[in-house]
């Protein structure tokens, strides 16, 4: 029976370690999304400055379609920046179980009677549940960030194509 209890504790500990690793990876994904959103804002800002310079150099003889396409490019770039900023928005997410939450579990575990093997397994399972909740929350926020970032990148790409088309037409 002791071997079974030790095995149960080991398996529960392995699951806990897996959740901790998953949280680390989710946090890394969060940082990558933030970096990409910052890069998207920078690129869109550079293109926006370029479009404004292009507008100033636009001759009076420019056709209505040139002006409409420039307005579309500016609008797309602004929307791209706004969407990337939404990806960068500060969010409140569940943190991993540390500090007070673990201290409370340990105090309960080490109560007056002491801890049994079942108590140790339950302790690990409680931690696993907390890590699972934190991971779920971070994953959901990563999905939201990724959606905003994807929109920002698509809008940026379309704006770049519009500006490239206009530039090509100006050269011809």
N, C-alpha and C. Protein backbone atom coordinates (compact mmCIF):
# COMPACT_ATOMS: atom_id res chain seq x y z
N UNK A 1 0.82 -1.19 0.00
CA UNK A 1 0.00 0.00 0.00
C UNK A 1 0.86 1.26 0.00
N UNK A 2 2.00 1.20 0.67
CA UNK A 2 2.89 2.35 0.71
C UNK A 2 3.43 2.67 -0.68
N UNK A 3 3.74 1.62 -1.47
CA UNK A 3 4.22 1.85 -2.84
C UNK A 3 3.17 2.59 -3.66
N UNK A 4 1.91 2.19 -3.48
CA UNK A 4 0.84 2.85 -4.21
C UNK A 4 0.74 4.33 -3.81
N UNK A 5 0.84 4.60 -2.51
CA UNK A 5 0.76 5.98 -2.02
C UNK A 5 1.94 6.80 -2.54
N UNK A 6 3.12 6.21 -2.53
CA UNK A 6 4.29 6.91 -3.06
C UNK A 6 4.12 7.18 -4.56
N UNK A 7 3.59 6.20 -5.26
CA UNK A 7 3.36 6.37 -6.70
C UNK A 7 2.33 7.47 -6.95
N UNK A 8 1.27 7.49 -6.16
CA UNK A 8 0.24 8.52 -6.31
C UNK A 8 0.85 9.90 -6.06
N UNK A 9 1.68 10.00 -5.05
CA UNK A 9 2.33 11.28 -4.74
C UNK A 9 3.27 11.69 -5.87
N UNK A 10 4.02 10.73 -6.39
CA UNK A 10 4.96 11.01 -7.49
C UNK A 10 4.19 11.46 -8.75
N UNK A 11 3.10 10.77 -9.07
CA UNK A 11 2.31 11.15 -10.25
C UNK A 11 1.70 12.54 -10.07
N UNK A 12 1.18 12.81 -8.89
CA UNK A 12 0.61 14.14 -8.63
C UNK A 12 1.69 15.22 -8.73
N UNK A 13 2.88 14.91 -8.24
CA UNK A 13 4.01 15.86 -8.33
C UNK A 13 4.43 16.08 -9.78
N UNK A 14 4.39 15.02 -10.58
CA UNK A 14 4.71 15.16 -12.01
C UNK A 14 3.70 16.06 -12.70
N UNK A 15 2.43 15.91 -12.37
CA UNK A 15 1.39 16.76 -12.96
C UNK A 15 1.62 18.22 -12.56
N UNK A 16 1.97 18.44 -11.29
CA UNK A 16 2.25 19.79 -10.82
C UNK A 16 3.42 20.39 -11.58
N UNK A 17 4.47 19.62 -11.77
CA UNK A 17 5.63 20.11 -12.52
C UNK A 17 5.24 20.47 -13.95
N UNK A 18 4.35 19.68 -14.53
CA UNK A 18 3.89 19.95 -15.89
C UNK A 18 3.14 21.29 -15.95
N UNK A 19 2.29 21.56 -14.98
CA UNK A 19 1.58 22.83 -14.96
C UNK A 19 2.53 24.01 -14.77
N UNK A 20 3.54 23.83 -13.95
CA UNK A 20 4.53 24.89 -13.77
C UNK A 20 5.27 25.18 -15.07
N UNK A 21 5.63 24.14 -15.79
CA UNK A 21 6.30 24.30 -17.08
C UNK A 21 5.36 24.98 -18.08
N UNK A 22 4.11 24.58 -18.09
CA UNK A 22 3.14 25.20 -18.99
C UNK A 22 3.02 26.69 -18.69
N UNK A 23 3.00 27.06 -17.42
CA UNK A 23 2.90 28.48 -17.05
C UNK A 23 4.13 29.23 -17.56
N UNK A 24 5.29 28.62 -17.43
CA UNK A 24 6.52 29.25 -17.93
C UNK A 24 6.41 29.51 -19.43
N UNK A 25 5.93 28.52 -20.17
CA UNK A 25 5.78 28.67 -21.62
C UNK A 25 4.73 29.71 -21.97
N UNK A 26 3.62 29.73 -21.25
CA UNK A 26 2.59 30.74 -21.49
C UNK A 26 3.13 32.15 -21.22
N UNK A 27 3.93 32.29 -20.20
CA UNK A 27 4.53 33.59 -19.88
C UNK A 27 5.50 34.01 -20.98
N UNK A 28 6.23 33.06 -21.51
CA UNK A 28 7.15 33.35 -22.62
C UNK A 28 6.36 33.78 -23.86
N UNK A 29 5.26 33.11 -24.14
CA UNK A 29 4.39 33.48 -25.26
C UNK A 29 3.87 34.90 -25.06
N UNK A 30 3.48 35.22 -23.84
CA UNK A 30 3.01 36.57 -23.51
C UNK A 30 4.06 37.60 -23.90
N UNK A 31 5.33 37.34 -23.50
CA UNK A 31 6.41 38.29 -23.80
C UNK A 31 6.64 38.40 -25.30
N UNK A 32 6.55 37.29 -26.03
CA UNK A 32 6.74 37.33 -27.48
C UNK A 32 5.63 38.14 -28.15
N UNK A 33 4.40 37.96 -27.71
CA UNK A 33 3.29 38.72 -28.26
C UNK A 33 3.48 40.22 -28.00
N UNK A 34 3.94 40.55 -26.81
CA UNK A 34 4.20 41.96 -26.48
C UNK A 34 5.27 42.54 -27.41
N UNK A 35 6.34 41.81 -27.63
CA UNK A 35 7.43 42.28 -28.50
C UNK A 35 6.93 42.47 -29.92
N UNK A 36 6.15 41.53 -30.41
CA UNK A 36 5.63 41.65 -31.78
C UNK A 36 4.67 42.82 -31.90
N UNK A 37 3.86 43.05 -30.89
CA UNK A 37 2.94 44.19 -30.93
C UNK A 37 3.72 45.51 -30.94
N UNK A 38 4.79 45.58 -30.15
CA UNK A 38 5.62 46.78 -30.13
C UNK A 38 6.27 47.01 -31.50
N UNK A 39 6.73 45.94 -32.12
CA UNK A 39 7.32 46.05 -33.45
C UNK A 39 6.31 46.49 -34.49
N UNK A 40 5.09 45.99 -34.37
CA UNK A 40 4.03 46.38 -35.30
C UNK A 40 3.71 47.86 -35.16
N UNK A 41 3.65 48.37 -33.95
CA UNK A 41 3.41 49.80 -33.73
C UNK A 41 4.53 50.61 -34.36
N UNK A 42 5.76 50.18 -34.16
CA UNK A 42 6.91 50.92 -34.72
C UNK A 42 6.87 50.94 -36.25
N UNK A 43 6.62 49.79 -36.85
CA UNK A 43 6.58 49.72 -38.32
C UNK A 43 5.43 50.57 -38.86
N UNK A 44 4.27 50.45 -38.26
CA UNK A 44 3.11 51.24 -38.72
C UNK A 44 3.38 52.73 -38.55
N UNK A 45 4.03 53.10 -37.45
CA UNK A 45 4.37 54.51 -37.23
C UNK A 45 5.32 55.04 -38.29
N UNK A 46 6.29 54.24 -38.67
CA UNK A 46 7.23 54.65 -39.71
C UNK A 46 6.50 54.82 -41.05
N UNK A 47 5.64 53.86 -41.37
CA UNK A 47 4.88 53.97 -42.62
C UNK A 47 3.92 55.15 -42.57
N UNK A 48 3.34 55.40 -41.43
CA UNK A 48 2.43 56.54 -41.29
C UNK A 48 3.18 57.85 -41.55
N UNK A 49 4.37 57.98 -41.00
CA UNK A 49 5.19 59.17 -41.25
C UNK A 49 5.52 59.29 -42.74
N UNK A 50 5.83 58.15 -43.35
CA UNK A 50 6.11 58.15 -44.78
C UNK A 50 4.91 58.57 -45.61
N UNK A 51 3.74 58.10 -45.24
CA UNK A 51 2.52 58.46 -45.96
C UNK A 51 2.25 59.96 -45.80
N UNK A 52 2.46 60.50 -44.61
CA UNK A 52 2.26 61.93 -44.41
C UNK A 52 3.24 62.74 -45.27
N UNK A 53 4.46 62.26 -45.38
CA UNK A 53 5.43 62.93 -46.26
C UNK A 53 4.97 62.84 -47.72
N UNK A 54 4.44 61.70 -48.07
CA UNK A 54 3.93 61.49 -49.43
C UNK A 54 2.77 62.44 -49.71
N UNK A 55 1.90 62.64 -48.71
CA UNK A 55 0.75 63.54 -48.86
C UNK A 55 1.23 64.97 -49.08
N UNK A 56 2.24 65.40 -48.36
CA UNK A 56 2.77 66.76 -48.52
C UNK A 56 3.36 66.95 -49.91
N UNK A 57 3.96 65.89 -50.46
CA UNK A 57 4.58 65.97 -51.78
C UNK A 57 3.57 65.75 -52.90
N UNK A 58 2.36 65.37 -52.54
CA UNK A 58 1.33 65.09 -53.53
C UNK A 58 1.00 66.37 -54.30
N UNK A 59 1.05 66.26 -55.59
CA UNK A 59 0.79 67.44 -56.41
C UNK A 59 -0.70 67.73 -56.48
N UNK A 60 -1.01 68.93 -56.84
CA UNK A 60 -2.40 69.34 -56.99
C UNK A 60 -3.09 68.55 -58.09
N UNK A 61 -2.30 68.01 -58.99
CA UNK A 61 -2.90 67.28 -60.11
C UNK A 61 -3.21 65.83 -59.77
N UNK A 62 -2.98 65.45 -58.54
CA UNK A 62 -3.26 64.07 -58.14
C UNK A 62 -4.75 63.79 -58.29
N UNK A 63 -5.03 62.62 -58.78
CA UNK A 63 -6.42 62.24 -59.00
C UNK A 63 -7.14 61.89 -57.71
N UNK A 64 -8.44 61.80 -57.81
CA UNK A 64 -9.28 61.48 -56.66
C UNK A 64 -8.94 60.09 -56.11
N UNK A 65 -8.60 59.14 -57.00
CA UNK A 65 -8.28 57.78 -56.55
C UNK A 65 -6.98 57.75 -55.76
N UNK A 66 -6.03 58.60 -56.15
CA UNK A 66 -4.79 58.69 -55.38
C UNK A 66 -5.08 59.17 -53.96
N UNK A 67 -5.94 60.17 -53.87
CA UNK A 67 -6.28 60.73 -52.56
C UNK A 67 -7.08 59.72 -51.73
N UNK A 68 -7.99 59.02 -52.37
CA UNK A 68 -8.78 58.00 -51.66
C UNK A 68 -7.88 56.87 -51.16
N UNK A 69 -6.95 56.43 -52.00
CA UNK A 69 -6.04 55.36 -51.59
C UNK A 69 -5.12 55.82 -50.46
N UNK A 70 -4.68 57.06 -50.51
CA UNK A 70 -3.85 57.58 -49.42
C UNK A 70 -4.65 57.65 -48.12
N UNK A 71 -5.89 58.10 -48.22
CA UNK A 71 -6.75 58.14 -47.03
C UNK A 71 -6.98 56.73 -46.49
N UNK A 72 -7.17 55.78 -47.40
CA UNK A 72 -7.35 54.38 -46.98
C UNK A 72 -6.09 53.87 -46.29
N UNK A 73 -4.92 54.19 -46.85
CA UNK A 73 -3.66 53.74 -46.25
C UNK A 73 -3.48 54.33 -44.85
N UNK A 74 -3.77 55.63 -44.70
CA UNK A 74 -3.65 56.26 -43.38
C UNK A 74 -4.63 55.61 -42.40
N UNK A 75 -5.85 55.39 -42.85
CA UNK A 75 -6.85 54.75 -41.97
C UNK A 75 -6.41 53.36 -41.55
N UNK A 76 -5.91 52.58 -42.50
CA UNK A 76 -5.44 51.22 -42.19
C UNK A 76 -4.27 51.25 -41.20
N UNK A 77 -3.36 52.19 -41.39
CA UNK A 77 -2.21 52.30 -40.50
C UNK A 77 -2.65 52.71 -39.09
N UNK A 78 -3.57 53.64 -39.00
CA UNK A 78 -4.07 54.07 -37.68
C UNK A 78 -4.78 52.90 -36.99
N UNK A 79 -5.62 52.18 -37.75
CA UNK A 79 -6.30 51.02 -37.17
C UNK A 79 -5.31 49.94 -36.74
N UNK A 80 -4.25 49.78 -37.51
CA UNK A 80 -3.21 48.81 -37.15
C UNK A 80 -2.55 49.18 -35.83
N UNK A 81 -2.21 50.46 -35.69
CA UNK A 81 -1.60 50.93 -34.44
C UNK A 81 -2.56 50.73 -33.28
N UNK A 82 -3.82 51.08 -33.47
CA UNK A 82 -4.81 50.93 -32.39
C UNK A 82 -4.97 49.46 -31.99
N UNK A 83 -5.01 48.59 -32.97
CA UNK A 83 -5.15 47.16 -32.65
C UNK A 83 -3.91 46.64 -31.93
N UNK A 84 -2.73 47.08 -32.35
CA UNK A 84 -1.50 46.65 -31.66
C UNK A 84 -1.46 47.19 -30.23
N UNK A 85 -1.96 48.40 -30.05
CA UNK A 85 -2.01 48.97 -28.70
C UNK A 85 -2.98 48.18 -27.83
N UNK A 86 -4.08 47.70 -28.42
CA UNK A 86 -4.98 46.83 -27.66
C UNK A 86 -4.27 45.55 -27.23
N UNK A 87 -3.39 45.05 -28.08
CA UNK A 87 -2.61 43.86 -27.72
C UNK A 87 -1.67 44.17 -26.56
N UNK A 88 -1.19 45.40 -26.50
CA UNK A 88 -0.25 45.80 -25.44
C UNK A 88 -0.95 46.26 -24.16
N UNK A 89 -2.25 46.36 -24.21
CA UNK A 89 -3.01 46.85 -23.06
C UNK A 89 -2.66 46.05 -21.80
N UNK A 90 -2.52 46.74 -20.70
CA UNK A 90 -2.22 46.10 -19.42
C UNK A 90 -3.44 45.32 -18.98
N UNK A 91 -3.22 44.07 -18.59
CA UNK A 91 -4.31 43.19 -18.17
C UNK A 91 -4.01 42.60 -16.80
N UNK A 92 -5.06 42.36 -16.07
CA UNK A 92 -4.94 41.67 -14.78
C UNK A 92 -5.12 40.18 -15.05
N UNK A 93 -4.11 39.39 -14.78
CA UNK A 93 -4.22 37.94 -14.99
C UNK A 93 -3.93 37.22 -13.68
N UNK A 94 -4.47 36.03 -13.58
CA UNK A 94 -4.22 35.21 -12.39
C UNK A 94 -2.75 34.83 -12.35
N UNK A 95 -2.18 34.95 -11.19
CA UNK A 95 -0.78 34.56 -11.02
C UNK A 95 -0.68 33.12 -10.53
N UNK A 96 0.51 32.60 -10.56
CA UNK A 96 0.70 31.24 -10.06
C UNK A 96 0.52 31.19 -8.54
N UNK A 97 0.24 30.02 -8.02
CA UNK A 97 0.05 29.91 -6.56
C UNK A 97 1.38 30.06 -5.83
N UNK A 98 1.53 31.17 -5.17
CA UNK A 98 2.75 31.43 -4.40
C UNK A 98 2.35 32.16 -3.12
N UNK A 99 3.31 32.36 -2.27
CA UNK A 99 3.11 33.19 -1.09
C UNK A 99 1.99 32.76 -0.19
N UNK A 100 1.04 33.67 -0.01
CA UNK A 100 -0.04 33.46 0.95
C UNK A 100 -0.87 32.21 0.66
N UNK A 101 -1.18 31.98 -0.64
CA UNK A 101 -2.03 30.83 -0.96
C UNK A 101 -1.33 29.52 -0.60
N UNK A 102 -0.05 29.40 -0.91
CA UNK A 102 0.68 28.18 -0.56
C UNK A 102 0.91 28.08 0.95
N UNK A 103 1.16 29.22 1.56
CA UNK A 103 1.38 29.23 3.01
C UNK A 103 0.14 28.72 3.74
N UNK A 104 -1.04 29.12 3.28
CA UNK A 104 -2.30 28.66 3.90
C UNK A 104 -2.46 27.15 3.73
N UNK A 105 -2.13 26.66 2.53
CA UNK A 105 -2.22 25.20 2.31
C UNK A 105 -1.25 24.45 3.20
N UNK A 106 -0.04 24.95 3.34
CA UNK A 106 0.97 24.28 4.17
C UNK A 106 0.54 24.28 5.64
N UNK A 107 0.00 25.41 6.10
CA UNK A 107 -0.46 25.47 7.51
C UNK A 107 -1.56 24.45 7.76
N UNK A 108 -2.48 24.32 6.79
CA UNK A 108 -3.54 23.31 6.93
C UNK A 108 -2.94 21.91 6.93
N UNK A 109 -1.98 21.70 6.07
CA UNK A 109 -1.36 20.38 5.93
C UNK A 109 -0.61 20.00 7.20
N UNK A 110 0.08 20.94 7.77
CA UNK A 110 0.91 20.65 8.94
C UNK A 110 0.16 20.92 10.25
N UNK A 111 -1.14 20.82 10.21
CA UNK A 111 -1.97 21.04 11.40
C UNK A 111 -1.54 20.16 12.56
N UNK A 112 -2.32 20.18 13.62
CA UNK A 112 -1.95 19.48 14.86
C UNK A 112 -1.76 17.97 14.69
N UNK A 113 -2.46 17.36 13.76
CA UNK A 113 -2.34 15.90 13.60
C UNK A 113 -1.16 15.49 12.74
N UNK A 114 -0.59 16.41 11.99
CA UNK A 114 0.48 16.05 11.06
C UNK A 114 -0.12 15.62 9.72
N UNK A 115 0.73 15.38 8.77
CA UNK A 115 0.27 15.08 7.41
C UNK A 115 0.41 13.60 7.11
N UNK A 116 -0.60 13.06 6.48
CA UNK A 116 -0.54 11.68 6.00
C UNK A 116 -0.12 11.72 4.53
N UNK A 117 0.13 10.55 3.98
CA UNK A 117 0.49 10.45 2.56
C UNK A 117 -0.67 10.98 1.70
N UNK A 118 -1.89 10.67 2.10
CA UNK A 118 -3.06 11.17 1.37
C UNK A 118 -3.12 12.70 1.42
N UNK A 119 -2.75 13.24 2.58
CA UNK A 119 -2.74 14.70 2.72
C UNK A 119 -1.72 15.32 1.77
N UNK A 120 -0.57 14.67 1.64
CA UNK A 120 0.47 15.18 0.73
C UNK A 120 -0.01 15.16 -0.72
N UNK A 121 -0.67 14.07 -1.09
CA UNK A 121 -1.22 13.97 -2.45
C UNK A 121 -2.28 15.05 -2.65
N UNK A 122 -3.15 15.26 -1.68
CA UNK A 122 -4.19 16.29 -1.77
C UNK A 122 -3.56 17.68 -1.87
N UNK A 123 -2.47 17.90 -1.13
CA UNK A 123 -1.75 19.17 -1.17
C UNK A 123 -1.23 19.44 -2.58
N UNK A 124 -0.64 18.44 -3.17
CA UNK A 124 -0.11 18.59 -4.53
C UNK A 124 -1.27 18.82 -5.51
N UNK A 125 -2.36 18.10 -5.33
CA UNK A 125 -3.53 18.28 -6.21
C UNK A 125 -4.12 19.68 -6.07
N UNK A 126 -4.15 20.20 -4.85
CA UNK A 126 -4.65 21.57 -4.65
C UNK A 126 -3.78 22.58 -5.41
N UNK A 127 -2.47 22.39 -5.32
CA UNK A 127 -1.56 23.27 -6.05
C UNK A 127 -1.78 23.13 -7.56
N UNK A 128 -1.95 21.89 -8.00
CA UNK A 128 -2.17 21.64 -9.43
C UNK A 128 -3.41 22.38 -9.90
N UNK A 129 -4.47 22.36 -9.11
CA UNK A 129 -5.70 23.07 -9.46
C UNK A 129 -5.46 24.57 -9.58
N UNK A 130 -4.68 25.12 -8.66
CA UNK A 130 -4.38 26.55 -8.71
C UNK A 130 -3.56 26.90 -9.96
N UNK A 131 -2.57 26.06 -10.25
CA UNK A 131 -1.76 26.28 -11.46
C UNK A 131 -2.62 26.16 -12.70
N UNK A 132 -3.54 25.19 -12.71
CA UNK A 132 -4.42 25.01 -13.88
C UNK A 132 -5.27 26.25 -14.09
N UNK A 133 -5.79 26.83 -13.01
CA UNK A 133 -6.60 28.05 -13.12
C UNK A 133 -5.76 29.21 -13.66
N UNK A 134 -4.56 29.36 -13.13
CA UNK A 134 -3.67 30.43 -13.60
C UNK A 134 -3.33 30.24 -15.07
N UNK A 135 -3.02 29.00 -15.46
CA UNK A 135 -2.67 28.72 -16.85
C UNK A 135 -3.84 29.02 -17.79
N UNK A 136 -5.03 28.66 -17.36
CA UNK A 136 -6.22 28.91 -18.18
C UNK A 136 -6.39 30.41 -18.41
N UNK A 137 -6.24 31.20 -17.36
CA UNK A 137 -6.40 32.64 -17.45
C UNK A 137 -5.35 33.26 -18.38
N UNK A 138 -4.10 32.88 -18.20
CA UNK A 138 -3.03 33.42 -19.04
C UNK A 138 -3.23 32.99 -20.49
N UNK A 139 -3.64 31.75 -20.71
CA UNK A 139 -3.90 31.26 -22.07
C UNK A 139 -4.99 32.09 -22.74
N UNK A 140 -6.08 32.35 -22.02
CA UNK A 140 -7.18 33.14 -22.58
C UNK A 140 -6.72 34.55 -22.93
N UNK A 141 -5.92 35.16 -22.06
CA UNK A 141 -5.41 36.50 -22.34
C UNK A 141 -4.43 36.48 -23.51
N UNK A 142 -3.63 35.42 -23.62
CA UNK A 142 -2.73 35.29 -24.76
C UNK A 142 -3.52 35.21 -26.06
N UNK A 143 -4.63 34.48 -26.04
CA UNK A 143 -5.47 34.37 -27.23
C UNK A 143 -6.02 35.74 -27.63
N UNK A 144 -6.46 36.52 -26.66
CA UNK A 144 -6.97 37.86 -26.94
C UNK A 144 -5.86 38.74 -27.52
N UNK A 145 -4.69 38.70 -26.90
CA UNK A 145 -3.54 39.46 -27.40
C UNK A 145 -3.21 39.06 -28.83
N UNK A 146 -3.18 37.77 -29.08
CA UNK A 146 -2.83 37.26 -30.40
C UNK A 146 -3.85 37.71 -31.44
N UNK A 147 -5.12 37.74 -31.08
CA UNK A 147 -6.15 38.21 -32.01
C UNK A 147 -5.96 39.67 -32.39
N UNK A 148 -5.70 40.52 -31.38
CA UNK A 148 -5.45 41.94 -31.66
C UNK A 148 -4.19 42.10 -32.52
N UNK A 149 -3.16 41.35 -32.19
CA UNK A 149 -1.91 41.43 -32.94
C UNK A 149 -2.11 40.97 -34.38
N UNK A 150 -2.84 39.90 -34.58
CA UNK A 150 -3.10 39.40 -35.93
C UNK A 150 -3.81 40.46 -36.77
N UNK A 151 -4.85 41.09 -36.18
CA UNK A 151 -5.57 42.15 -36.89
C UNK A 151 -4.62 43.30 -37.23
N UNK A 152 -3.79 43.68 -36.28
CA UNK A 152 -2.85 44.78 -36.50
C UNK A 152 -1.90 44.46 -37.66
N UNK A 153 -1.42 43.23 -37.70
CA UNK A 153 -0.48 42.85 -38.75
C UNK A 153 -1.17 42.77 -40.12
N UNK A 154 -2.39 42.28 -40.16
CA UNK A 154 -3.13 42.23 -41.43
C UNK A 154 -3.40 43.64 -41.94
N UNK A 155 -3.86 44.52 -41.07
CA UNK A 155 -4.11 45.91 -41.46
C UNK A 155 -2.83 46.58 -41.94
N UNK A 156 -1.73 46.32 -41.26
CA UNK A 156 -0.44 46.87 -41.66
C UNK A 156 -0.04 46.36 -43.04
N UNK A 157 -0.20 45.08 -43.25
CA UNK A 157 0.15 44.49 -44.54
C UNK A 157 -0.68 45.11 -45.67
N UNK A 158 -1.97 45.25 -45.47
CA UNK A 158 -2.82 45.84 -46.50
C UNK A 158 -2.41 47.30 -46.76
N UNK A 159 -2.13 48.03 -45.69
CA UNK A 159 -1.69 49.43 -45.85
C UNK A 159 -0.39 49.50 -46.63
N UNK A 160 0.54 48.62 -46.34
CA UNK A 160 1.82 48.60 -47.06
C UNK A 160 1.58 48.32 -48.54
N UNK A 161 0.69 47.39 -48.83
CA UNK A 161 0.38 47.08 -50.23
C UNK A 161 -0.26 48.28 -50.93
N UNK A 162 -1.14 48.99 -50.25
CA UNK A 162 -1.76 50.19 -50.84
C UNK A 162 -0.70 51.25 -51.12
N UNK A 163 0.19 51.48 -50.16
CA UNK A 163 1.24 52.48 -50.34
C UNK A 163 2.18 52.04 -51.47
N UNK A 164 2.51 50.77 -51.53
CA UNK A 164 3.37 50.26 -52.61
C UNK A 164 2.70 50.46 -53.97
N UNK A 165 1.41 50.21 -54.03
CA UNK A 165 0.66 50.42 -55.29
C UNK A 165 0.70 51.89 -55.68
N UNK A 166 0.44 52.77 -54.73
CA UNK A 166 0.45 54.20 -55.02
C UNK A 166 1.83 54.66 -55.47
N UNK A 167 2.86 54.17 -54.80
CA UNK A 167 4.22 54.53 -55.17
C UNK A 167 4.53 54.05 -56.59
N UNK A 168 4.11 52.83 -56.88
CA UNK A 168 4.32 52.29 -58.23
C UNK A 168 3.59 53.11 -59.28
N UNK A 169 2.38 53.53 -58.96
CA UNK A 169 1.60 54.35 -59.90
C UNK A 169 2.25 55.72 -60.08
N UNK A 170 2.84 56.26 -59.03
CA UNK A 170 3.49 57.57 -59.12
C UNK A 170 4.73 57.51 -59.99
N UNK A 171 5.41 56.39 -59.98
CA UNK A 171 6.63 56.22 -60.75
C UNK A 171 6.30 56.08 -62.25
N UNK A 172 5.19 55.46 -62.54
CA UNK A 172 4.82 55.23 -63.95
C UNK A 172 4.40 56.46 -64.64
